[in-house]
Protein backbone atom coordinates (compact mmCIF):
# COMPACT_ATOMS: atom_id res chain seq x y z
CA MET A 1 -40.99 25.91 43.85
CA LYS A 2 -41.70 25.25 47.51
CA ARG A 3 -40.19 21.84 48.21
CA ILE A 4 -37.06 20.16 46.82
CA ALA A 5 -34.89 17.14 47.62
CA VAL A 6 -31.16 16.50 47.34
CA PHE A 7 -29.33 13.19 46.99
CA THR A 8 -25.87 11.81 46.29
CA SER A 9 -25.41 8.93 43.88
CA GLY A 10 -22.66 6.81 42.36
CA GLY A 11 -19.14 6.78 43.78
CA ASP A 12 -18.53 9.07 46.74
CA ALA A 13 -16.23 12.06 46.39
CA PRO A 14 -14.66 14.43 48.94
CA GLY A 15 -16.75 17.61 48.95
CA MET A 16 -20.14 15.96 48.54
CA ASN A 17 -21.00 16.93 52.11
CA ALA A 18 -20.02 20.52 51.43
CA CYS A 19 -22.36 20.50 48.43
CA VAL A 20 -25.25 19.02 50.44
CA ARG A 21 -24.66 21.69 53.07
CA ALA A 22 -24.75 24.42 50.44
CA VAL A 23 -28.00 23.07 48.97
CA VAL A 24 -29.68 22.96 52.36
CA ARG A 25 -28.47 26.38 53.50
CA ALA A 26 -29.40 27.99 50.15
CA ALA A 27 -32.88 26.42 50.27
CA VAL A 28 -33.40 27.71 53.81
CA TYR A 29 -32.14 31.14 52.75
CA TYR A 30 -34.72 31.27 49.96
CA GLY A 31 -37.57 29.88 52.06
CA ILE A 32 -37.73 26.49 50.35
CA GLU A 33 -38.34 23.23 52.22
CA VAL A 34 -35.57 20.75 51.54
CA TYR A 35 -35.43 16.99 52.00
CA GLY A 36 -32.52 14.60 51.89
CA ILE A 37 -32.81 11.29 50.05
CA ARG A 38 -30.56 8.66 51.59
CA ARG A 39 -28.70 6.13 49.42
CA GLY A 40 -29.48 7.75 46.08
CA TYR A 41 -32.09 6.33 43.75
CA ASN A 42 -32.39 3.28 45.97
CA GLY A 43 -33.55 5.46 48.84
CA MET A 44 -35.89 7.35 46.53
CA ILE A 45 -37.63 4.08 45.66
CA LYS A 46 -37.84 2.96 49.28
CA GLY A 47 -38.92 6.34 50.65
CA ASP A 48 -35.81 6.80 52.76
CA ILE A 49 -36.31 10.56 52.72
CA VAL A 50 -35.86 12.97 55.64
CA LYS A 51 -36.51 16.66 56.08
CA LEU A 52 -33.35 18.72 56.51
CA GLU A 53 -32.89 21.98 58.38
CA SER A 54 -29.94 24.33 58.60
CA HIS A 55 -28.64 22.57 61.72
CA SER A 56 -28.88 19.19 59.96
CA VAL A 57 -25.77 20.05 57.96
CA SER A 58 -23.69 21.66 60.68
CA ASN A 59 -20.09 20.47 61.01
CA ILE A 60 -19.99 18.46 57.77
CA VAL A 61 -18.19 20.81 55.36
CA GLN A 62 -14.81 19.33 56.33
CA LYS A 63 -15.85 15.67 56.21
CA GLY A 64 -15.24 13.24 53.36
CA GLY A 65 -17.79 10.74 52.12
CA THR A 66 -21.45 11.69 52.07
CA LEU A 67 -23.86 12.31 54.93
CA LEU A 68 -26.70 11.08 52.72
CA LYS A 69 -24.79 7.93 51.75
CA SER A 70 -24.72 6.51 48.24
CA ALA A 71 -25.74 3.28 46.55
CA ARG A 72 -26.14 1.73 43.13
CA SER A 73 -29.75 1.01 42.13
CA ASP A 74 -30.53 -1.65 39.57
CA GLU A 75 -34.23 -1.25 40.37
CA PHE A 76 -34.24 2.39 39.24
CA ARG A 77 -33.13 1.18 35.81
CA THR A 78 -36.59 -0.41 35.45
CA ALA A 79 -39.85 1.40 34.69
CA GLU A 80 -41.40 -0.18 37.78
CA GLY A 81 -38.62 1.13 40.00
CA ARG A 82 -38.92 4.66 38.64
CA LYS A 83 -42.70 4.57 39.19
CA LYS A 84 -42.12 3.69 42.85
CA ALA A 85 -39.65 6.57 43.15
CA PHE A 86 -42.12 9.00 41.60
CA ASP A 87 -44.87 7.91 43.98
CA GLN A 88 -42.59 8.50 46.99
CA LEU A 89 -41.76 12.02 45.80
CA GLN A 90 -45.42 12.75 45.07
CA ASN A 91 -46.42 11.68 48.57
CA LEU A 92 -44.10 14.33 50.00
CA GLY A 93 -44.96 16.99 47.43
CA ILE A 94 -41.37 17.27 46.18
CA GLU A 95 -41.27 19.43 43.05
CA GLY A 96 -37.60 19.37 42.08
CA LEU A 97 -34.39 17.40 42.63
CA ILE A 98 -30.73 18.22 43.05
CA ALA A 99 -28.52 15.28 42.11
CA ILE A 100 -24.87 15.20 43.18
CA GLY A 101 -23.05 12.58 41.15
CA GLY A 102 -21.75 11.68 37.73
CA ASN A 103 -22.73 10.27 34.36
CA GLY A 104 -24.97 7.47 35.60
CA THR A 105 -26.72 9.77 38.05
CA PHE A 106 -27.53 12.33 35.36
CA THR A 107 -28.62 9.66 32.88
CA GLY A 108 -31.15 8.40 35.42
CA ALA A 109 -32.35 11.93 36.14
CA GLU A 110 -32.96 12.66 32.45
CA ILE A 111 -34.95 9.47 31.95
CA PHE A 112 -36.93 10.22 35.11
CA PHE A 113 -37.82 13.70 33.84
CA ASN A 114 -38.91 12.39 30.44
CA GLU A 115 -41.28 9.97 32.15
CA TYR A 116 -42.62 12.07 35.04
CA GLY A 117 -41.61 15.68 34.47
CA ILE A 118 -39.75 16.24 37.75
CA PRO A 119 -36.92 18.72 37.00
CA THR A 120 -33.40 18.00 38.19
CA VAL A 121 -30.31 20.18 38.40
CA GLY A 122 -27.07 18.26 38.85
CA ALA A 123 -23.83 19.03 40.63
CA PRO A 124 -20.76 17.15 39.33
CA GLY A 125 -19.56 14.93 42.18
CA THR A 126 -16.84 12.53 41.01
CA ILE A 127 -13.09 12.34 41.59
CA ASP A 128 -12.48 11.43 37.93
CA ASN A 129 -13.09 14.96 36.57
CA ASP A 130 -14.55 13.38 33.44
CA LEU A 131 -17.77 15.41 33.08
CA TYR A 132 -18.19 17.79 30.17
CA GLY A 133 -19.41 21.23 31.26
CA THR A 134 -17.10 22.06 34.15
CA ASP A 135 -13.37 22.68 34.54
CA ASN A 136 -13.25 20.59 37.72
CA THR A 137 -15.61 18.18 39.44
CA ILE A 138 -16.22 18.00 43.18
CA GLY A 139 -13.59 15.72 44.76
CA PHE A 140 -11.05 15.86 41.96
CA ASP A 141 -8.63 18.25 43.63
CA THR A 142 -8.65 16.22 46.85
CA ALA A 143 -8.06 12.96 44.96
CA VAL A 144 -5.12 14.48 43.09
CA ASN A 145 -3.55 15.70 46.31
CA THR A 146 -4.08 12.31 47.97
CA ALA A 147 -2.37 10.59 45.04
CA LEU A 148 0.39 13.20 45.00
CA ASP A 149 1.11 12.67 48.69
CA ALA A 150 1.50 8.94 48.06
CA ILE A 151 3.75 9.53 45.04
CA ASP A 152 6.01 11.81 47.09
CA LYS A 153 6.40 9.12 49.75
CA ILE A 154 7.03 6.39 47.20
CA ARG A 155 9.62 8.59 45.51
CA ASP A 156 11.64 8.54 48.76
CA THR A 157 11.80 4.76 48.91
CA ALA A 158 12.37 4.48 45.14
CA ASP A 159 15.43 6.72 45.46
CA SER A 160 16.71 4.80 48.47
CA HIS A 161 16.67 1.47 46.64
CA ASP A 162 17.17 2.49 42.99
CA ARG A 163 13.78 1.10 42.08
CA ILE A 164 11.21 1.50 39.32
CA PHE A 165 7.73 2.07 40.74
CA PHE A 166 4.50 1.70 38.79
CA ILE A 167 1.78 3.56 40.67
CA GLU A 168 -1.84 2.96 39.69
CA VAL A 169 -4.42 5.70 40.27
CA MET A 170 -8.15 5.70 39.63
CA GLY A 171 -9.43 6.56 36.18
CA ARG A 172 -11.21 3.82 34.28
CA ASP A 173 -12.18 6.15 31.43
CA SER A 174 -10.30 9.33 32.32
CA GLY A 175 -6.65 10.10 32.97
CA TYR A 176 -7.12 13.41 34.78
CA ILE A 177 -5.97 12.16 38.19
CA ALA A 178 -3.00 10.39 36.61
CA ILE A 179 -1.81 13.31 34.52
CA GLN A 180 -2.07 15.93 37.27
CA SER A 181 -0.65 13.81 40.11
CA GLY A 182 2.08 12.51 37.78
CA LEU A 183 2.99 16.00 36.64
CA GLY A 184 2.98 17.34 40.20
CA GLY A 185 4.96 14.33 41.45
CA GLY A 186 7.66 14.50 38.80
CA ALA A 187 6.81 11.16 37.17
CA GLU A 188 8.98 10.00 34.31
CA LEU A 189 5.91 8.88 32.39
CA VAL A 190 2.12 8.97 32.74
CA MET A 191 -0.11 6.41 31.05
CA VAL A 192 -3.74 7.45 30.47
CA PRO A 193 -6.73 6.11 28.48
CA GLU A 194 -6.86 9.23 26.29
CA THR A 195 -3.50 8.54 24.62
CA ASP A 196 -1.76 5.38 23.39
CA THR A 197 1.48 4.67 25.23
CA ALA A 198 3.15 1.54 23.92
CA ILE A 199 5.25 -0.64 26.21
CA GLU A 200 8.20 0.09 23.94
CA GLU A 201 7.86 3.77 24.81
CA VAL A 202 7.90 2.96 28.52
CA ILE A 203 11.06 0.88 28.12
CA GLU A 204 12.74 3.57 26.04
CA THR A 205 11.87 6.21 28.66
CA LEU A 206 13.38 4.12 31.44
CA LYS A 207 16.56 3.31 29.50
CA SER A 208 16.93 6.94 28.46
CA GLY A 209 16.76 7.97 32.10
CA TRP A 210 19.52 5.53 33.02
CA THR A 211 21.81 7.03 30.39
CA ARG A 212 21.35 10.35 32.22
CA SER A 213 22.28 8.72 35.56
CA LYS A 214 18.73 8.44 36.87
CA SER A 215 18.74 5.76 39.55
CA SER A 216 14.98 5.52 40.14
CA SER A 217 11.80 6.09 38.16
CA ILE A 218 8.10 6.66 38.79
CA ILE A 219 5.51 5.67 36.19
CA VAL A 220 1.91 6.72 36.98
CA VAL A 221 -0.73 4.51 35.35
CA ALA A 222 -4.46 5.25 35.14
CA GLU A 223 -6.38 2.03 35.83
CA GLY A 224 -8.09 2.25 32.43
CA ASP A 225 -4.96 2.58 30.28
CA GLU A 226 -5.08 0.55 27.07
CA GLU A 227 -2.01 -1.48 28.14
CA GLY A 228 -3.75 -2.44 31.40
CA GLY A 229 -3.32 -1.39 35.01
CA ALA A 230 -0.01 -1.04 36.82
CA ASN A 231 0.33 -4.78 37.45
CA GLU A 232 -0.14 -5.66 33.78
CA VAL A 233 2.20 -2.90 32.61
CA SER A 234 4.93 -3.90 35.09
CA ILE A 235 4.81 -7.53 33.95
CA LYS A 236 5.21 -6.47 30.31
CA VAL A 237 8.13 -4.18 31.18
CA LYS A 238 9.81 -6.88 33.29
CA GLU A 239 9.98 -9.12 30.22
CA HIS A 240 12.22 -6.55 28.53
CA ILE A 241 14.11 -5.37 31.63
CA PRO A 242 14.53 -8.54 33.72
CA TYR A 243 17.31 -6.97 35.78
CA GLY A 244 15.18 -4.01 36.94
CA ASP A 245 14.01 -3.77 40.55
CA ILE A 246 10.32 -3.17 39.79
CA LYS A 247 7.59 -2.53 42.36
CA VAL A 248 3.87 -1.81 42.01
CA THR A 249 1.56 0.27 44.21
CA LEU A 250 -2.21 0.44 43.70
CA LEU A 251 -3.65 3.48 45.46
CA GLY A 252 -7.26 2.35 45.01
CA HIS A 253 -10.12 3.75 47.05
CA VAL A 254 -7.89 5.76 49.36
CA GLN A 255 -8.25 8.45 46.67
CA ARG A 256 -11.98 8.77 47.38
CA GLY A 257 -11.64 9.45 51.09
CA GLY A 258 -10.34 12.15 53.36
CA SER A 259 -11.14 15.72 54.22
CA PRO A 260 -11.77 17.80 51.07
CA THR A 261 -9.30 20.49 50.10
CA ALA A 262 -10.25 24.16 50.29
CA GLN A 263 -10.68 24.17 46.51
CA ASP A 264 -13.17 21.30 46.63
CA ARG A 265 -15.11 22.84 49.52
CA ILE A 266 -15.43 26.15 47.71
CA LEU A 267 -16.36 24.53 44.38
CA ALA A 268 -18.95 22.32 46.10
CA SER A 269 -20.43 25.32 47.90
CA ARG A 270 -20.71 27.35 44.70
CA LEU A 271 -22.33 24.50 42.82
CA GLY A 272 -24.77 23.64 45.61
CA VAL A 273 -26.07 27.20 45.73
CA ALA A 274 -26.12 27.39 41.91
CA ALA A 275 -28.19 24.20 41.72
CA VAL A 276 -30.84 25.62 44.06
CA GLU A 277 -30.94 28.90 42.17
CA GLY A 278 -31.12 26.97 38.91
CA LEU A 279 -34.24 25.11 40.04
CA MET A 280 -35.75 28.39 41.21
CA ALA A 281 -35.12 29.88 37.76
CA GLY A 282 -36.94 27.00 36.09
CA ARG A 283 -33.89 25.09 34.83
CA LYS A 284 -34.23 21.37 34.33
CA ASN A 285 -32.06 18.52 33.09
CA VAL A 286 -28.88 20.57 33.43
CA MET A 287 -25.64 20.28 35.37
CA ALA A 288 -24.21 23.27 37.21
CA GLY A 289 -20.50 23.67 36.56
CA VAL A 290 -17.73 26.25 36.72
CA ILE A 291 -15.83 27.17 33.55
CA ASN A 292 -13.25 29.98 33.63
CA ASN A 293 -14.46 30.80 37.15
CA GLU A 294 -18.03 31.42 35.96
CA VAL A 295 -21.04 29.27 36.87
CA VAL A 296 -22.57 27.67 33.78
CA PHE A 297 -25.40 25.21 33.15
CA THR A 298 -24.89 22.37 30.67
CA PRO A 299 -27.70 20.07 29.45
CA PHE A 300 -27.47 16.54 30.83
CA HIS A 301 -27.42 15.24 27.26
CA ASP A 302 -24.17 17.09 26.55
CA THR A 303 -22.64 16.18 29.90
CA ILE A 304 -23.42 12.51 29.29
CA THR A 305 -22.47 12.23 25.61
CA LYS A 306 -19.60 14.67 25.07
CA ARG A 307 -16.06 13.66 25.99
CA LYS A 308 -13.87 15.92 28.08
CA PRO A 309 -10.34 15.68 26.68
CA ILE A 310 -7.10 16.14 28.58
CA HIS A 311 -5.32 19.25 27.38
CA PRO A 312 -2.37 18.08 25.26
CA ASP A 313 -0.13 20.65 26.95
CA LEU A 314 -0.25 18.62 30.18
CA ILE A 315 1.00 15.49 28.42
CA ARG A 316 3.66 17.54 26.65
CA LEU A 317 4.81 18.96 29.99
CA VAL A 318 5.36 15.48 31.46
CA ASN A 319 7.64 14.60 28.53
CA ILE A 320 9.63 17.83 28.78
CA LEU A 321 10.07 17.80 32.55
CA SER A 322 11.09 14.15 32.79
CA VAL A 323 14.37 14.82 30.95
């Protein structure tokens, strides 16, 4: 393989730049020409593709977001759009792709390979940590620490005013950010999509805390919880505890930004190099991940279809430590 291209797709995640840097530097190290596709599949269709050199990725390892930018592409979902993308890659002689993204990115890559035979190795770039085949995804550790910093600050004001705070973190389908930031932040309860937490349980937890002289409480809610987001949950709780001083904070997209942590930079670097070496070894339609500190390759089909559960011990710890 003499010429490859790298792109970022889907939601941005801290550490994507570190991964792009690793891909480019590894390609240069192995004597492979490398191109960057701007704005994901959309840029692939439009031919927004530039050659990258080692100096092209200088001074980006510490930056959040993505140098290559990201975009959704409805056109790539069509056969006509994928044909345009293939033609653009053919014009440049690109033989393999490295896709940094999540489920949707890898789904598109698998379809693209089945139609045109261009191999792709993926690197898991999403703050949600919801991809099967890796212990952590690029950006997850940074997002948890961003959420944790906010929880620590909110805890101060909650204590000062004897308030109940419902803090919503990202996680439409996954509660990984919620469970880890809630556990690290000493939350009284964490509500995640993977487990059913009835409003009655929330109320009981709050009342139980008051009997032990707790004057304030923090409830962390993943946006995809079955009871709704933090706003919906707080309204339901207020009906049963009308005298409570209840506040809501939605952390939102602040969790996607910021300088990546050391852990995310190192993970991204390992996976970027692994993706290049995977293509060189003839791998295709696989995601590079790290499990038990070892690089592994998981077929896109498994990454896309298999669910990554939250370890029940983490949920158990929240319940024990909130006493």
